[in-house]
C-alpha cells in the first residue's frame, strides 16, 4: 500500500489525460521512482492512484491545519 501524505497539487493541464479535471486539487501519493521520471502519482475521483505527467500540476503549499482537516475528511 502506498503512503498518502500531506501533499496536494492543482491540475493546470489535462491534455491527453481527460480523466483529470482542470483547476481541481488532487492528493499526491509518495512515489520517488515516478518523481524521478517526472511523473506524479495522484488520487483521482475513483479513489485510486494513477501516474500523470508532473507538468500537468502545480504543487500547492497548504497550512498543516488545513491538511489535517482535508485528510480527516477522507
PDB file of N, CA and C in Angstrom:
ATOM      1  N   UNK A   1       0.840  -1.183   0.000  1.00  0.00           N
ATOM      2  CA  UNK A   1       0.000   0.000   0.000  1.00  0.00           C
ATOM      3  C   UNK A   1       0.881   1.242   0.000  1.00  0.00           C
ATOM      4  N   UNK A   2       0.554   2.213  -0.825  1.00  0.00           N
ATOM      5  CA  UNK A   2       1.335   3.442  -0.930  1.00  0.00           C
ATOM      6  C   UNK A   2       0.879   4.441   0.130  1.00  0.00           C
ATOM      7  N   UNK A   3       1.811   5.296   0.506  1.00  0.00           N
ATOM      8  CA  UNK A   3       1.533   6.276   1.546  1.00  0.00           C
ATOM      9  C   UNK A   3       0.976   7.563   0.945  1.00  0.00           C
ATOM     10  N   UNK A   4      -0.221   7.941   1.382  1.00  0.00           N
ATOM     11  CA  UNK A   4      -0.778   9.232   1.004  1.00  0.00           C
ATOM     12  C   UNK A   4      -0.301  10.233   2.036  1.00  0.00           C
ATOM     13  N   UNK A   5       0.426  11.231   1.564  1.00  0.00           N
ATOM     14  CA  UNK A   5       0.957  12.205   2.515  1.00  0.00           C
ATOM     15  C   UNK A   5       0.196  13.517   2.388  1.00  0.00           C
ATOM     16  N   UNK A   6       0.710  14.540   2.991  1.00  0.00           N
ATOM     17  CA  UNK A   6       0.036  15.829   3.021  1.00  0.00           C
ATOM     18  C   UNK A   6       0.386  16.728   1.859  1.00  0.00           C
ATOM     19  N   UNK A   7       0.655  16.149   0.693  1.00  0.00           N
ATOM     20  CA  UNK A   7       0.973  16.951  -0.487  1.00  0.00           C
ATOM     21  C   UNK A   7      -0.244  17.006  -1.398  1.00  0.00           C
ATOM     22  N   UNK A   8      -0.465  18.195  -1.938  1.00  0.00           N
ATOM     23  CA  UNK A   8      -1.578  18.408  -2.841  1.00  0.00           C
ATOM     24  C   UNK A   8      -1.101  19.189  -4.048  1.00  0.00           C
ATOM     25  N   UNK A   9      -1.771  18.950  -5.189  1.00  0.00           N
ATOM     26  CA  UNK A   9      -1.440  19.636  -6.426  1.00  0.00           C
ATOM     27  C   UNK A   9      -2.724  20.134  -7.081  1.00  0.00           C
ATOM     28  N   UNK A  10      -2.562  21.145  -7.922  1.00  0.00           N
ATOM     29  CA  UNK A  10      -3.667  21.706  -8.694  1.00  0.00           C
ATOM     30  C   UNK A  10      -3.464  21.318 -10.148  1.00  0.00           C
ATOM     31  N   UNK A  11      -4.480  20.753 -10.776  1.00  0.00           N
ATOM     32  CA  UNK A  11      -4.391  20.381 -12.189  1.00  0.00           C
ATOM     33  C   UNK A  11      -4.494  21.647 -13.044  1.00  0.00           C
ATOM     34  N   UNK A  12      -3.482  21.876 -13.877  1.00  0.00           N
ATOM     35  CA  UNK A  12      -3.465  23.042 -14.760  1.00  0.00           C
ATOM     36  C   UNK A  12      -3.434  22.649 -16.238  1.00  0.00           C
ATOM     37  N   UNK A  13      -3.409  21.338 -16.507  1.00  0.00           N
ATOM     38  CA  UNK A  13      -3.340  20.852 -17.882  1.00  0.00           C
ATOM     39  C   UNK A  13      -3.864  19.427 -17.893  1.00  0.00           C
ATOM     40  N   UNK A  14      -4.813  19.129 -18.775  1.00  0.00           N
ATOM     41  CA  UNK A  14      -5.297  17.755 -18.867  1.00  0.00           C
ATOM     42  C   UNK A  14      -5.217  17.209 -20.297  1.00  0.00           C
ATOM     43  N   UNK A  15      -4.309  17.760 -21.103  1.00  0.00           N
ATOM     44  CA  UNK A  15      -4.108  17.267 -22.463  1.00  0.00           C
ATOM     45  C   UNK A  15      -3.686  15.803 -22.399  1.00  0.00           C
ATOM     46  N   UNK A  16      -4.372  14.971 -23.142  1.00  0.00           N
ATOM     47  CA  UNK A  16      -4.135  13.522 -23.181  1.00  0.00           C
ATOM     48  C   UNK A  16      -4.427  12.833 -21.847  1.00  0.00           C
ATOM     49  N   UNK A  17      -5.069  13.513 -20.928  1.00  0.00           N
ATOM     50  CA  UNK A  17      -5.445  12.936 -19.628  1.00  0.00           C
ATOM     51  C   UNK A  17      -6.856  13.421 -19.290  1.00  0.00           C
ATOM     52  N   UNK A  18      -7.814  13.016 -20.096  1.00  0.00           N
ATOM     53  CA  UNK A  18      -9.180  13.525 -19.949  1.00  0.00           C
ATOM     54  C   UNK A  18      -9.823  13.183 -18.614  1.00  0.00           C
ATOM     55  N   UNK A  19      -9.256  12.214 -17.897  1.00  0.00           N
ATOM     56  CA  UNK A  19      -9.823  11.865 -16.596  1.00  0.00           C
ATOM     57  C   UNK A  19      -9.429  12.850 -15.500  1.00  0.00           C
ATOM     58  N   UNK A  20      -8.519  13.775 -15.815  1.00  0.00           N
ATOM     59  CA  UNK A  20      -8.175  14.846 -14.874  1.00  0.00           C
ATOM     60  C   UNK A  20      -9.079  16.045 -15.122  1.00  0.00           C
ATOM     61  N   UNK A  21      -9.486  16.696 -14.047  1.00  0.00           N
ATOM     62  CA  UNK A  21     -10.303  17.897 -14.165  1.00  0.00           C
ATOM     63  C   UNK A  21      -9.435  19.129 -13.960  1.00  0.00           C
ATOM     64  N   UNK A  22      -9.505  20.058 -14.923  1.00  0.00           N
ATOM     65  CA  UNK A  22      -8.757  21.304 -14.781  1.00  0.00           C
ATOM     66  C   UNK A  22      -9.194  22.050 -13.528  1.00  0.00           C
ATOM     67  N   UNK A  23      -8.235  22.676 -12.875  1.00  0.00           N
ATOM     68  CA  UNK A  23      -8.454  23.501 -11.686  1.00  0.00           C
ATOM     69  C   UNK A  23      -8.957  22.713 -10.478  1.00  0.00           C
ATOM     70  N   UNK A  24      -8.801  21.402 -10.507  1.00  0.00           N
ATOM     71  CA  UNK A  24      -9.173  20.575  -9.361  1.00  0.00           C
ATOM     72  C   UNK A  24      -7.928  20.250  -8.543  1.00  0.00           C
ATOM     73  N   UNK A  25      -8.096  20.181  -7.232  1.00  0.00           N
ATOM     74  CA  UNK A  25      -6.995  19.829  -6.337  1.00  0.00           C
ATOM     75  C   UNK A  25      -6.989  18.321  -6.140  1.00  0.00           C
ATOM     76  N   UNK A  26      -5.796  17.729  -6.256  1.00  0.00           N
ATOM     77  CA  UNK A  26      -5.618  16.282  -6.097  1.00  0.00           C
ATOM     78  C   UNK A  26      -4.602  15.993  -5.002  1.00  0.00           C
ATOM     79  N   UNK A  27      -4.812  14.866  -4.300  1.00  0.00           N
ATOM     80  CA  UNK A  27      -3.843  14.400  -3.304  1.00  0.00           C
ATOM     81  C   UNK A  27      -2.735  13.637  -4.011  1.00  0.00           C
ATOM     82  N   UNK A  28      -1.520  13.797  -3.505  1.00  0.00           N
ATOM     83  CA  UNK A  28      -0.355  13.124  -4.068  1.00  0.00           C
ATOM     84  C   UNK A  28      -0.004  11.922  -3.198  1.00  0.00           C
ATOM     85  N   UNK A  29       0.353  10.821  -3.858  1.00  0.00           N
ATOM     86  CA  UNK A  29       0.827   9.620  -3.184  1.00  0.00           C
ATOM     87  C   UNK A  29       2.329   9.550  -3.404  1.00  0.00           C
ATOM     88  N   UNK A  30       3.083   9.311  -2.336  1.00  0.00           N
ATOM     89  CA  UNK A  30       4.540   9.240  -2.446  1.00  0.00           C
ATOM     90  C   UNK A  30       4.960   8.138  -3.407  1.00  0.00           C
ATOM     91  N   UNK A  31       5.800   8.498  -4.377  1.00  0.00           N
ATOM     92  CA  UNK A  31       6.346   7.535  -5.333  1.00  0.00           C
ATOM     93  C   UNK A  31       7.637   8.143  -5.883  1.00  0.00           C
ATOM     94  N   UNK A  32       8.731   7.900  -5.163  1.00  0.00           N
ATOM     95  CA  UNK A  32      10.024   8.500  -5.519  1.00  0.00           C
ATOM     96  C   UNK A  32      10.478   8.101  -6.921  1.00  0.00           C
ATOM     97  N   UNK A  33      10.239   6.856  -7.295  1.00  0.00           N
ATOM     98  CA  UNK A  33      10.650   6.388  -8.621  1.00  0.00           C
ATOM     99  C   UNK A  33       9.912   7.168  -9.714  1.00  0.00           C
ATOM    100  N   UNK A  34       8.616   7.360  -9.550  1.00  0.00           N
ATOM    101  CA  UNK A  34       7.826   8.112 -10.527  1.00  0.00           C
ATOM    102  C   UNK A  34       8.293   9.562 -10.601  1.00  0.00           C
ATOM    103  N   UNK A  35       8.581  10.159  -9.451  1.00  0.00           N
ATOM    104  CA  UNK A  35       9.018  11.555  -9.416  1.00  0.00           C
ATOM    105  C   UNK A  35      10.335  11.741 -10.160  1.00  0.00           C
ATOM    106  N   UNK A  36      11.224  10.757 -10.089  1.00  0.00           N
ATOM    107  CA  UNK A  36      12.488  10.831 -10.821  1.00  0.00           C
ATOM    108  C   UNK A  36      12.260  10.809 -12.324  1.00  0.00           C
ATOM    109  N   UNK A  37      11.133  10.236 -12.753  1.00  0.00           N
ATOM    110  CA  UNK A  37      10.780  10.154 -14.175  1.00  0.00           C
ATOM    111  C   UNK A  37       9.824  11.277 -14.590  1.00  0.00           C
ATOM    112  N   UNK A  38       9.666  12.292 -13.720  1.00  0.00           N
ATOM    113  CA  UNK A  38       8.801  13.456 -13.973  1.00  0.00           C
ATOM    114  C   UNK A  38       7.319  13.109 -14.041  1.00  0.00           C
ATOM    115  N   UNK A  39       6.906  12.187 -13.156  1.00  0.00           N
ATOM    116  CA  UNK A  39       5.505  11.843 -13.015  1.00  0.00           C
ATOM    117  C   UNK A  39       5.106  12.019 -11.557  1.00  0.00           C
ATOM    118  N   UNK A  40       3.822  12.224 -11.357  1.00  0.00           N
ATOM    119  CA  UNK A  40       3.260  12.257 -10.011  1.00  0.00           C
ATOM    120  C   UNK A  40       2.174  11.190  -9.921  1.00  0.00           C
ATOM    121  N   UNK A  41       2.070  10.571  -8.776  1.00  0.00           N
ATOM    122  CA  UNK A  41       1.001   9.610  -8.522  1.00  0.00           C
ATOM    123  C   UNK A  41      -0.064  10.358  -7.725  1.00  0.00           C
ATOM    124  N   UNK A  42      -1.234  10.527  -8.325  1.00  0.00           N
ATOM    125  CA  UNK A  42      -2.309  11.273  -7.665  1.00  0.00           C
ATOM    126  C   UNK A  42      -3.551  10.401  -7.537  1.00  0.00           C
ATOM    127  N   UNK A  43      -4.370  10.723  -6.542  1.00  0.00           N
ATOM    128  CA  UNK A  43      -5.624  10.018  -6.297  1.00  0.00           C
ATOM    129  C   UNK A  43      -6.720  10.738  -7.073  1.00  0.00           C
ATOM    130  N   UNK A  44      -7.401   9.992  -7.959  1.00  0.00           N
ATOM    131  CA  UNK A  44      -8.458  10.606  -8.753  1.00  0.00           C
ATOM    132  C   UNK A  44      -9.833  10.385  -8.113  1.00  0.00           C
ATOM    133  N   UNK A  45     -10.886  10.693  -8.867  1.00  0.00           N
ATOM    134  CA  UNK A  45     -12.248  10.606  -8.341  1.00  0.00           C
ATOM    135  C   UNK A  45     -12.651   9.190  -7.941  1.00  0.00           C
ATOM    136  N   UNK A  46     -12.020   8.187  -8.537  1.00  0.00           N
ATOM    137  CA  UNK A  46     -12.354   6.800  -8.220  1.00  0.00           C
ATOM    138  C   UNK A  46     -11.792   6.372  -6.861  1.00  0.00           C
ATOM    139  N   UNK A  47     -10.887   7.200  -6.315  1.00  0.00           N
ATOM    140  CA  UNK A  47     -10.232   6.849  -5.062  1.00  0.00           C
ATOM    141  C   UNK A  47      -8.956   6.057  -5.273  1.00  0.00           C
ATOM    142  N   UNK A  48      -8.650   5.752  -6.539  1.00  0.00           N
ATOM    143  CA  UNK A  48      -7.427   5.029  -6.889  1.00  0.00           C
ATOM    144  C   UNK A  48      -6.335   6.025  -7.276  1.00  0.00           C
ATOM    145  N   UNK A  49      -5.082   5.578  -7.163  1.00  0.00           N
ATOM    146  CA  UNK A  49      -3.982   6.460  -7.557  1.00  0.00           C
ATOM    147  C   UNK A  49      -3.424   6.026  -8.910  1.00  0.00           C
ATOM    148  N   UNK A  50      -3.058   7.037  -9.716  1.00  0.00           N
ATOM    149  CA  UNK A  50      -2.525   6.815 -11.059  1.00  0.00           C
ATOM    150  C   UNK A  50      -1.380   7.773 -11.319  1.00  0.00           C
ATOM    151  N   UNK A  51      -0.535   7.413 -12.264  1.00  0.00           N
ATOM    152  CA  UNK A  51       0.579   8.274 -12.652  1.00  0.00           C
ATOM    153  C   UNK A  51       0.157   9.246 -13.744  1.00  0.00           C
ATOM    154  N   UNK A  52       0.594  10.493 -13.580  1.00  0.00           N
ATOM    155  CA  UNK A  52       0.352  11.538 -14.570  1.00  0.00           C
ATOM    156  C   UNK A  52       1.625  12.367 -14.700  1.00  0.00           C
ATOM    157  N   UNK A  53       1.828  12.998 -15.853  1.00  0.00           N
ATOM    158  CA  UNK A  53       2.995  13.875 -16.007  1.00  0.00           C
ATOM    159  C   UNK A  53       2.955  15.001 -14.968  1.00  0.00           C
ATOM    160  N   UNK A  54       4.087  15.271 -14.342  1.00  0.00           N
ATOM    161  CA  UNK A  54       4.094  16.335 -13.321  1.00  0.00           C
ATOM    162  C   UNK A  54       3.850  17.705 -13.926  1.00  0.00           C
ATOM    163  N   UNK A  55       4.038  17.845 -15.249  1.00  0.00           N
ATOM    164  CA  UNK A  55       3.795  19.124 -15.925  1.00  0.00           C
ATOM    165  C   UNK A  55       2.309  19.479 -15.955  1.00  0.00           C
ATOM    166  N   UNK A  56       1.454  18.544 -15.593  1.00  0.00           N
ATOM    167  CA  UNK A  56       0.015  18.793 -15.570  1.00  0.00           C
ATOM    168  C   UNK A  56      -0.446  19.434 -14.260  1.00  0.00           C
ATOM    169  N   UNK A  57       0.485  19.637 -13.334  1.00  0.00           N
ATOM    170  CA  UNK A  57       0.122  20.101 -11.996  1.00  0.00           C
ATOM    171  C   UNK A  57       1.030  21.224 -11.503  1.00  0.00           C
ATOM    172  N   UNK A  58       0.497  21.967 -10.563  1.00  0.00           N
ATOM    173  CA  UNK A  58       1.261  22.939  -9.786  1.00  0.00           C
ATOM    174  C   UNK A  58       1.173  22.477  -8.339  1.00  0.00           C
ATOM    175  N   UNK A  59       2.319  22.381  -7.677  1.00  0.00           N
ATOM    176  CA  UNK A  59       2.330  21.966  -6.276  1.00  0.00           C
ATOM    177  C   UNK A  59       1.781  23.094  -5.411  1.00  0.00           C
ATOM    178  N   UNK A  60       0.978  22.719  -4.427  1.00  0.00           N
ATOM    179  CA  UNK A  60       0.360  23.693  -3.532  1.00  0.00           C
ATOM    180  C   UNK A  60       0.998  23.642  -2.154  1.00  0.00           C
ATOM    181  N   UNK A  61       1.074  24.794  -1.532  1.00  0.00           N
ATOM    182  CA  UNK A  61       1.520  24.871  -0.143  1.00  0.00           C
ATOM    183  C   UNK A  61       0.291  25.195   0.696  1.00  0.00           C
ATOM    184  N   UNK A  62      -0.118  24.219   1.480  1.00  0.00           N
ATOM    185  CA  UNK A  62      -1.327  24.341   2.282  1.00  0.00           C
ATOM    186  C   UNK A  62      -0.919  24.258   3.751  1.00  0.00           C
ATOM    187  N   UNK A  63      -1.468  25.131   4.599  1.00  0.00           N
ATOM    188  CA  UNK A  63      -1.128  25.086   6.021  1.00  0.00           C
ATOM    189  C   UNK A  63      -1.434  23.719   6.628  1.00  0.00           C
ATOM    190  N   UNK A  64      -0.623  23.305   7.577  1.00  0.00           N
ATOM    191  CA  UNK A  64      -0.749  21.984   8.204  1.00  0.00           C
ATOM    192  C   UNK A  64      -2.143  21.745   8.778  1.00  0.00           C
ATOM    193  N   UNK A  65      -2.716  22.754   9.395  1.00  0.00           N
ATOM    194  CA  UNK A  65      -4.050  22.613   9.982  1.00  0.00           C
ATOM    195  C   UNK A  65      -5.078  22.282   8.896  1.00  0.00           C
ATOM    196  N   UNK A  66      -4.955  22.906   7.733  1.00  0.00           N
ATOM    197  CA  UNK A  66      -5.873  22.625   6.622  1.00  0.00           C
ATOM    198  C   UNK A  66      -5.642  21.219   6.076  1.00  0.00           C
ATOM    199  N   UNK A  67      -4.393  20.810   5.975  1.00  0.00           N
ATOM    200  CA  UNK A  67      -4.082  19.454   5.504  1.00  0.00           C
ATOM    201  C   UNK A  67      -4.702  18.407   6.417  1.00  0.00           C
ATOM    202  N   UNK A  68      -4.547  18.602   7.727  1.00  0.00           N
ATOM    203  CA  UNK A  68      -5.137  17.667   8.690  1.00  0.00           C
ATOM    204  C   UNK A  68      -6.656  17.571   8.524  1.00  0.00           C
ATOM    205  N   UNK A  69      -7.306  18.689   8.298  1.00  0.00           N
ATOM    206  CA  UNK A  69      -8.757  18.687   8.114  1.00  0.00           C
ATOM    207  C   UNK A  69      -9.140  17.976   6.828  1.00  0.00           C
ATOM    208  N   UNK A  70      -8.381  18.179   5.764  1.00  0.00           N
ATOM    209  CA  UNK A  70      -8.661  17.530   4.481  1.00  0.00           C
ATOM    210  C   UNK A  70      -8.469  16.029   4.608  1.00  0.00           C
ATOM    211  N   UNK A  71      -7.381  15.596   5.222  1.00  0.00           N
ATOM    212  CA  UNK A  71      -7.108  14.170   5.341  1.00  0.00           C
ATOM    213  C   UNK A  71      -8.125  13.467   6.239  1.00  0.00           C
ATOM    214  N   UNK A  72      -8.624  14.152   7.265  1.00  0.00           N
ATOM    215  CA  UNK A  72      -9.647  13.573   8.119  1.00  0.00           C
ATOM    216  C   UNK A  72     -10.954  13.361   7.352  1.00  0.00           C
ATOM    217  N   UNK A  73     -11.222  14.251   6.405  1.00  0.00           N
ATOM    218  CA  UNK A  73     -12.471  14.174   5.628  1.00  0.00           C
ATOM    219  C   UNK A  73     -12.460  12.989   4.675  1.00  0.00           C
ATOM    220  N   UNK A  74     -11.270  12.445   4.415  1.00  0.00           N
ATOM    221  CA  UNK A  74     -11.192  11.274   3.563  1.00  0.00           C
ATOM    222  C   UNK A  74     -10.743  11.624   2.233  1.00  0.00           C
TER     223      UNK A  74
END
